[in-house]
Protein backbone atom coordinates (compact mmCIF):
# COMPACT_ATOMS: atom_id res chain seq x y z
CA UNK A 1 83.38 103.49 79.20
CA UNK A 2 81.60 104.38 82.45
CA UNK A 3 82.28 107.30 84.77
CA UNK A 4 81.61 108.40 88.34
CA UNK A 5 81.13 112.05 89.23
CA UNK A 6 79.64 114.39 91.80
CA UNK A 7 76.70 116.58 90.86
CA UNK A 8 74.65 117.24 93.99
CA UNK A 9 75.16 113.56 94.74
CA UNK A 10 77.45 110.71 93.77
CA UNK A 11 76.53 109.22 90.37
CA UNK A 12 77.76 106.36 88.19
CA UNK A 13 76.75 106.30 84.55
CA UNK A 14 77.59 104.56 81.31
CA UNK A 15 79.19 107.24 79.17
CA UNK A 16 80.43 106.08 75.80
CA UNK A 17 81.13 103.13 73.54
CA UNK A 18 82.95 103.10 70.24
CA UNK A 19 84.50 100.66 67.78
CA UNK A 20 88.26 100.18 67.54
CA UNK A 21 88.86 100.39 63.80
CA UNK A 22 92.05 98.32 63.67
CA UNK A 23 94.06 97.14 66.69
CA UNK A 24 93.04 97.01 70.35
CA UNK A 25 96.27 98.59 71.60
CA UNK A 26 96.60 101.01 74.50
CA UNK A 27 97.25 103.84 72.05
CA UNK A 28 94.07 103.11 70.07
CA UNK A 29 91.95 102.95 73.24
CA UNK A 30 93.54 106.16 74.56
CA UNK A 31 92.83 107.95 71.27
CA UNK A 32 89.18 106.83 71.35
CA UNK A 33 88.73 108.06 74.93
CA UNK A 34 90.57 111.28 74.02
CA UNK A 35 88.05 112.01 71.26
CA UNK A 36 85.19 111.63 73.76
CA UNK A 37 86.94 113.89 76.30
CA UNK A 38 87.59 116.65 73.75
CA UNK A 39 84.10 116.43 72.24
CA UNK A 40 82.53 116.92 75.67
CA UNK A 41 85.04 119.50 76.92
CA UNK A 42 86.39 117.34 79.75
CA UNK A 43 89.93 118.00 80.99
CA UNK A 44 92.13 115.01 81.87
CA UNK A 45 93.13 116.81 85.08
CA UNK A 46 89.62 116.21 86.42
CA UNK A 47 90.20 112.44 86.30
CA UNK A 48 91.33 111.08 89.69
CA UNK A 49 91.29 107.31 89.07
CA UNK A 50 90.70 104.55 86.56
CA UNK A 51 89.68 100.89 86.91
CA UNK A 52 90.43 98.31 84.20
CA UNK A 53 91.18 94.63 83.78
CA UNK A 54 94.79 93.44 83.81
CA UNK A 55 95.30 92.94 80.07
CA UNK A 56 98.53 94.10 78.44
CA UNK A 57 96.75 96.74 76.36
CA UNK A 58 95.56 98.31 79.62
CA UNK A 59 98.52 97.84 81.97
CA UNK A 60 101.60 97.71 79.69
CA UNK A 61 104.43 99.69 81.29
CA UNK A 62 105.17 101.84 78.23
CA UNK A 63 102.35 101.34 75.72
CA UNK A 64 99.35 100.40 77.88
CA UNK A 65 96.34 102.66 78.34
CA UNK A 66 97.35 103.56 81.91
CA UNK A 67 100.83 104.63 80.74
CA UNK A 68 99.31 106.92 78.09
CA UNK A 69 96.88 108.47 80.58
CA UNK A 70 99.62 109.08 83.15
CA UNK A 71 101.57 111.10 80.59
CA UNK A 72 98.75 113.65 80.49
CA UNK A 73 97.55 113.15 84.09
CA UNK A 74 100.45 111.97 86.33
CA UNK A 75 98.41 112.04 89.56
CA UNK A 76 95.80 109.50 88.41
CA UNK A 77 95.43 106.29 90.43
CA UNK A 78 94.82 102.88 88.85
CA UNK A 79 92.89 99.95 90.31
CA UNK A 80 92.83 96.43 88.89
CA UNK A 81 89.18 95.29 88.76
CA UNK A 82 88.40 93.26 91.89
CA UNK A 83 86.09 90.86 90.02
CA UNK A 84 88.88 89.99 87.57
CA UNK A 85 91.41 89.56 90.37
CA UNK A 86 89.12 87.18 92.27
CA UNK A 87 88.57 85.13 89.11
CA UNK A 88 92.33 84.95 88.48
CA UNK A 89 93.04 83.85 92.06
CA UNK A 90 90.49 81.02 91.76
CA UNK A 91 91.84 79.60 88.49
CA UNK A 92 94.88 77.69 89.75
CA UNK A 93 94.49 74.29 91.39
CA UNK A 94 96.47 71.06 91.97
CA UNK A 95 96.91 68.82 88.90
CA UNK A 96 94.69 66.04 90.32
CA UNK A 97 91.76 68.43 90.80
CA UNK A 98 92.36 70.08 87.43
CA UNK A 99 92.15 66.65 85.79
CA UNK A 100 88.73 66.08 87.40
CA UNK A 101 87.54 69.49 86.16
CA UNK A 102 88.78 68.81 82.62
CA UNK A 103 87.16 65.36 82.57
CA UNK A 104 83.90 66.88 83.77
CA UNK A 105 83.96 69.40 80.91
CA UNK A 106 84.60 66.58 78.40
CA UNK A 107 81.71 64.54 79.80
CA UNK A 108 79.36 67.49 79.43
CA UNK A 109 80.63 68.28 75.93
CA UNK A 110 80.12 64.66 74.82
CA UNK A 111 76.42 64.99 75.57
CA UNK A 112 75.76 68.67 74.80
CA UNK A 113 77.72 68.79 71.53
CA UNK A 114 75.65 65.99 69.97
CA UNK A 115 71.92 66.74 69.51
CA UNK A 116 70.97 63.04 69.62
CA UNK A 117 72.86 62.47 72.88
CA UNK A 118 71.31 65.60 74.35
CA UNK A 119 67.77 64.45 73.46
CA UNK A 120 68.36 60.93 74.80
CA UNK A 121 69.76 62.31 78.06
CA UNK A 122 66.74 64.63 78.47
CA UNK A 123 64.36 61.68 77.99
CA UNK A 124 66.35 59.64 80.52
CA UNK A 125 66.11 62.47 83.07
CA UNK A 126 62.35 62.67 82.54
CA UNK A 127 61.95 58.91 83.01
CA UNK A 128 64.00 59.00 86.22
CA UNK A 129 62.00 61.97 87.58
CA UNK A 130 65.08 64.19 87.83
CA UNK A 131 64.82 67.78 89.00
CA UNK A 132 67.06 68.90 86.10
CA UNK A 133 66.66 67.81 82.49
CA UNK A 134 69.99 68.88 80.99
CA UNK A 135 73.64 69.61 81.74
CA UNK A 136 75.24 73.06 81.57
CA UNK A 137 78.07 73.96 79.20
CA UNK A 138 81.33 75.26 80.64
CA UNK A 139 82.58 78.60 79.26
CA UNK A 140 86.04 79.68 80.38
CA UNK A 141 85.37 83.40 79.94
CA UNK A 142 82.32 83.31 82.23
CA UNK A 143 83.43 83.51 85.84
CA UNK A 144 80.42 81.74 87.34
CA UNK A 145 80.44 78.90 84.81
CA UNK A 146 82.55 76.32 86.65
CA UNK A 147 80.53 76.20 89.86
CA UNK A 148 77.19 75.82 88.09
CA UNK A 149 78.49 73.22 85.63
CA UNK A 150 80.03 71.04 88.34
CA UNK A 151 77.04 71.28 90.66
CA UNK A 152 74.63 70.25 87.89
CA UNK A 153 76.96 67.44 86.77
CA UNK A 154 77.20 66.03 90.29
CA UNK A 155 73.44 66.27 90.85
CA UNK A 156 72.85 64.25 87.65
CA UNK A 157 75.57 61.65 88.32
CA UNK A 158 73.05 58.76 88.62
CA UNK A 159 71.43 59.75 85.33
CA UNK A 160 74.88 59.90 83.72
CA UNK A 161 75.71 56.43 84.99
CA UNK A 162 72.58 55.09 83.28
CA UNK A 163 73.24 57.07 80.10
CA UNK A 164 76.77 55.73 79.67
CA UNK A 165 75.57 52.13 79.95
CA UNK A 166 73.99 52.60 76.51
CA UNK A 167 76.39 55.22 75.11
CA UNK A 168 80.07 54.30 75.43
CA UNK A 169 82.56 57.03 76.31
CA UNK A 170 86.15 56.61 77.48
CA UNK A 171 85.61 58.80 80.58
CA UNK A 172 82.34 57.13 81.64
CA UNK A 173 84.13 55.15 84.38
CA UNK A 174 84.79 58.39 86.29
CA UNK A 175 81.07 58.49 87.19
CA UNK A 176 81.57 55.21 89.08
CA UNK A 177 84.96 56.09 90.59
CA UNK A 178 84.46 56.90 94.28
CA UNK A 179 87.63 59.02 94.60
CA UNK A 180 86.75 60.95 91.45
CA UNK A 181 83.23 61.66 92.77
CA UNK A 182 84.65 62.86 96.11
CA UNK A 183 86.83 65.37 94.25
CA UNK A 184 83.96 66.38 91.98
CA UNK A 185 81.70 66.99 94.99
CA UNK A 186 84.40 69.12 96.61
CA UNK A 187 84.95 71.15 93.42
CA UNK A 188 81.20 71.76 93.13
CA UNK A 189 81.16 73.09 96.71
CA UNK A 190 84.28 75.25 96.56
CA UNK A 191 83.40 76.82 93.22
CA UNK A 192 79.88 77.53 94.47
CA UNK A 193 81.46 79.38 97.42
CA UNK A 194 83.77 81.28 95.07
CA UNK A 195 80.76 82.12 92.88
CA UNK A 196 79.05 83.68 95.91
CA UNK A 197 82.19 85.71 96.60
CA UNK A 198 82.35 86.88 92.98
CA UNK A 199 78.69 87.93 93.05
CA UNK A 200 79.24 89.86 96.30
CA UNK A 201 81.93 91.93 94.55
CA UNK A 202 79.46 93.00 91.85
CA UNK A 203 77.08 95.95 91.96
CA UNK A 204 77.15 99.67 91.31
CA UNK A 205 77.63 100.68 94.96
CA UNK A 206 80.63 98.45 95.76
CA UNK A 207 83.72 100.29 97.02
CA UNK A 208 87.34 99.23 97.45
CA UNK A 209 86.65 98.80 101.17
CA UNK A 210 83.70 96.46 100.51
CA UNK A 211 85.78 94.26 98.22
CA UNK A 212 88.71 94.10 100.64
CA UNK A 213 86.43 93.18 103.57
CA UNK A 214 84.81 90.36 101.59
CA UNK A 215 88.15 89.02 100.36
CA UNK A 216 89.58 89.07 103.89
CA UNK A 217 86.51 87.15 105.10
CA UNK A 218 86.92 84.55 102.36
CA UNK A 219 90.61 84.01 103.19
CA UNK A 220 89.69 83.40 106.83
CA UNK A 221 86.96 80.97 105.73
CA UNK A 222 89.37 79.07 103.48
CA UNK A 223 91.84 78.56 106.34
CA UNK A 224 88.99 77.58 108.67
CA UNK A 225 87.71 75.06 106.13
CA UNK A 226 91.21 73.63 105.75
CA UNK A 227 91.39 73.07 109.52
CA UNK A 228 87.90 71.47 109.45
CA UNK A 229 88.94 69.04 106.70
CA UNK A 230 92.12 68.24 108.62
CA UNK A 231 89.95 67.40 111.66
CA UNK A 232 87.52 65.27 109.59
CA UNK A 233 84.68 67.80 109.88
CA UNK A 234 82.79 67.91 106.57
CA UNK A 235 79.88 70.29 107.23
CA UNK A 236 81.64 73.16 105.45
CA UNK A 237 81.13 71.38 102.10
CA UNK A 238 77.48 70.19 102.00
CA UNK A 239 77.60 68.35 98.65
CA UNK A 240 80.64 66.34 99.64
CA UNK A 241 79.26 65.79 103.17
CA UNK A 242 75.99 64.42 101.74
CA UNK A 243 77.86 62.13 99.32
CA UNK A 244 80.06 60.67 102.07
CA UNK A 245 77.00 60.09 104.27
CA UNK A 246 74.92 58.47 101.52
CA UNK A 247 77.69 56.05 100.57
CA UNK A 248 79.03 55.54 104.13
CA UNK A 249 82.63 56.19 103.07
CA UNK A 250 85.54 58.21 104.45
CA UNK A 251 87.15 61.08 102.60
CA UNK A 252 90.47 59.25 102.30
CA UNK A 253 93.90 60.58 103.21
CA UNK A 254 94.98 61.41 99.65
CA UNK A 255 91.82 63.39 98.84
CA UNK A 256 92.02 65.12 102.24
CA UNK A 257 95.60 66.30 101.56
CA UNK A 258 94.56 67.41 98.07
CA UNK A 259 91.65 69.51 99.40
CA UNK A 260 93.74 71.12 102.15
CA UNK A 261 96.43 71.97 99.59
CA UNK A 262 93.87 73.57 97.28
CA UNK A 263 92.21 75.60 100.04
CA UNK A 264 95.57 76.98 101.19
CA UNK A 265 96.53 77.63 97.57
CA UNK A 266 93.39 79.67 96.88
CA UNK A 267 93.95 81.68 100.09
CA UNK A 268 97.55 82.41 99.05
CA UNK A 269 96.51 83.49 95.55
CA UNK A 270 93.82 85.76 96.96
CA UNK A 271 96.45 87.40 99.17
CA UNK A 272 98.75 87.86 96.16
CA UNK A 273 95.99 89.60 94.20
CA UNK A 274 94.58 91.46 97.22
CA UNK A 275 97.45 92.63 99.46
CA UNK A 276 96.50 94.20 102.83
CA UNK A 277 95.01 97.66 102.39
CA UNK A 278 97.05 100.70 103.31
CA UNK A 279 96.06 101.73 106.85
CA UNK A 280 96.39 105.39 105.88
CA UNK A 281 92.85 105.15 104.43
CA UNK A 282 91.29 103.59 107.54
CA UNK A 283 89.75 106.93 108.58
CA UNK A 284 87.68 106.93 105.37
CA UNK A 285 86.32 103.46 106.04
CA UNK A 286 85.26 104.35 109.59
CA UNK A 287 86.05 107.88 110.83
CA UNK A 288 84.51 107.09 114.25
CA UNK A 289 86.92 104.31 115.22
CA UNK A 290 90.19 105.63 113.82
CA UNK A 291 93.21 106.28 116.03
CA UNK A 292 94.13 109.97 116.12
CA UNK A 293 96.22 111.71 114.95
CA UNK A 294 96.29 110.53 111.30
CA UNK A 295 99.73 111.45 109.99
CA UNK A 296 98.69 111.56 106.31
CA UNK A 297 96.19 114.39 106.94
CA UNK A 298 96.98 118.08 107.15
CA UNK A 299 96.44 120.09 110.35
CA UNK A 300 93.09 121.46 109.13
CA UNK A 301 91.93 118.01 107.95
CA UNK A 302 92.79 116.49 111.33
CA UNK A 303 90.73 119.16 113.07
CA UNK A 304 87.75 118.36 110.86
CA UNK A 305 88.19 114.63 111.50
CA UNK A 306 88.12 115.26 115.27
CA UNK A 307 84.92 117.29 114.93
CA UNK A 308 83.27 114.69 112.71
CA UNK A 309 84.26 111.70 114.87
CA UNK A 310 82.84 113.43 117.97
CA UNK A 311 79.41 114.04 116.43
CA UNK A 312 76.95 111.43 117.76
CA UNK A 313 74.22 112.31 115.24
CA UNK A 314 76.63 111.77 112.34
CA UNK A 315 77.69 108.44 113.82
CA UNK A 316 74.07 107.25 113.68
CA UNK A 317 73.83 108.39 110.03
CA UNK A 318 77.10 106.61 109.23
CA UNK A 319 75.63 103.27 110.32
CA UNK A 320 72.54 103.71 108.15
CA UNK A 321 74.01 105.07 104.91
CA UNK A 322 76.36 103.75 102.23
CA UNK A 323 79.91 105.00 102.73
CA UNK A 324 79.97 107.15 99.57
CA UNK A 325 76.63 108.80 100.43
CA UNK A 326 77.86 109.61 103.93
CA UNK A 327 80.97 111.40 102.67
CA UNK A 328 79.05 113.15 99.88
CA UNK A 329 76.62 114.62 102.43
CA UNK A 330 79.58 115.64 104.61
CA UNK A 331 80.89 117.96 101.89
CA UNK A 332 78.84 120.87 103.24
CA UNK A 333 80.12 120.74 106.83
CA UNK A 334 83.53 119.07 106.39
CA UNK A 335 84.49 120.15 102.88
CA UNK A 336 88.26 119.59 102.95
CA UNK A 337 88.08 116.22 104.70
CA UNK A 338 85.19 114.93 102.56
CA UNK A 339 87.01 115.88 99.35
CA UNK A 340 90.00 113.80 100.46
CA UNK A 341 87.75 110.83 101.22
CA UNK A 342 85.83 111.07 97.95
CA UNK A 343 89.06 111.23 95.96
CA UNK A 344 89.73 107.69 97.22
CA UNK A 345 86.12 106.47 96.93
CA UNK A 346 85.24 107.99 93.55
CA UNK A 347 87.13 105.55 91.25
CA UNK A 348 85.36 102.30 90.38
CA UNK A 349 86.39 99.25 92.41
CA UNK A 350 85.27 96.93 89.59
CA UNK A 351 84.40 97.03 85.90
CA UNK A 352 80.89 95.86 86.80
CA UNK A 353 79.10 98.44 84.63
CA UNK A 354 81.12 97.34 81.59
CA UNK A 355 80.30 93.70 82.27
CA UNK A 356 76.64 94.64 82.74
CA UNK A 357 76.87 96.26 79.31
CA UNK A 358 77.49 92.86 77.72
CA UNK A 359 74.35 91.51 79.37
CA UNK A 360 72.40 94.58 78.27
CA UNK A 361 73.55 94.05 74.69
CA UNK A 362 72.05 90.55 74.73
CA UNK A 363 68.66 92.15 75.38
CA UNK A 364 69.16 95.10 73.01
CA UNK A 365 70.59 93.18 70.06
CA UNK A 366 67.84 90.75 69.10
CA UNK A 367 66.89 89.11 65.81
CA UNK A 368 63.60 91.03 65.85
CA UNK A 369 65.36 94.36 65.24
CA UNK A 370 65.79 95.56 61.69
CA UNK A 371 68.97 97.47 62.51
CA UNK A 372 70.98 98.73 65.49
CA UNK A 373 72.40 102.18 64.81
CA UNK A 374 72.38 104.01 68.17
CA UNK A 375 74.18 101.41 70.32
CA UNK A 376 75.60 104.06 72.64
CA UNK A 377 72.19 105.60 73.37
CA UNK A 378 70.59 102.20 73.86
CA UNK A 379 73.23 101.11 76.37
CA UNK A 380 73.15 104.42 78.23
CA UNK A 381 69.39 104.06 78.66
CA UNK A 382 69.76 100.45 79.90
CA UNK A 383 72.66 101.08 82.30
CA UNK A 384 72.16 104.60 83.64
CA UNK A 385 70.60 105.10 87.07
CA UNK A 386 69.75 108.73 86.28
CA UNK A 387 66.07 109.28 85.47
CA UNK A 388 65.56 111.06 82.13
CA UNK A 389 64.15 114.61 82.15
CA UNK A 390 61.16 113.80 79.97
CA UNK A 391 59.80 117.36 79.96
CA UNK A 392 63.05 118.67 78.50
CA UNK A 393 63.15 115.85 75.96
CA UNK A 394 59.56 116.53 74.89
CA UNK A 395 60.33 120.23 74.47
CA UNK A 396 63.17 119.43 72.05
CA UNK A 397 60.98 117.20 69.87
CA UNK A 398 59.60 118.75 66.71
CA UNK A 399 55.81 118.76 66.65
CA UNK A 400 53.95 117.40 63.65
CA UNK A 401 54.35 119.88 60.73
CA UNK A 402 50.57 120.25 60.41
CA UNK A 403 50.23 121.50 64.00
């Protein structure tokens, strides 16, 4: 569990981790968080928002974690993690493209799952002077897996063609099938673009406005790319463009229709998972370009917004600083207005810190350790951006008994 809070400035820290003894239900998770809250004297009323994935244990209408929290804190807002939503929107694709993806995974598994095949393929890559010496395994739970796997597979297609001459496999013909390679090249390009989008949604300073802006940009790109493909312009997909040029072939009407369908499908799914943002929060995103009056604000808040939006010095600061930092520093002069803005900005837009915790565990939990007792302290040290007060820590340490 990670939290955001204000103490002189806006801070995000990893707070707690604990084992679920039996089931991973919403009730069990709520009880575990409740123990942490009571132990540290934190009132649920101080919680303004929560960000989770979309699993049933989190979002169930009656028994999910959010439902339990809203019984003790009805005013809390919930946000579905933007990284998870983007990954969900990118999963669906036409059956013909899905078949190419599945075949690609099987080709990789045929080589990677057998040590002898893997060694032979590495030797072949060395003999052919390839930039890469191995394929990458596809893992469904890793969001960036598909793009990297497909790109590497396509880059090593000539090596694969040679490998399958000596090692029979029922899908080997797909590496010689022109239509199949066109689709594979397209999938490598589109998933690389979606990987870049996913990475742009990650980070500790990302806000709901950042994620919405990047999603809106991607939807516009997808529709632009669809129009480019329709007009036989291939520069938007470099891998596919290079393949068509090298082999002096056309995209083909069937593959063109398939790609346009997929691009429009991804754009539609992104819109389903990221509906247009409520314009009532536009003044938070940019208080200097908002249309006044803002009906959702009180009389006093509107007055403060007018004062703030008319301050040229603040406008220069706004352009140079992260949005959260700007509103945090505005607390002194525009207290009421800044509190309203921070109530919207405070909740996490993604579960990035939790995901970063898994990566941190890979470094913390190594075979060279004898035991791992203080997991919570280890993760807090790895993930926290707050510098430890070493003087205070030294003062609490017991000196050697002989001193």
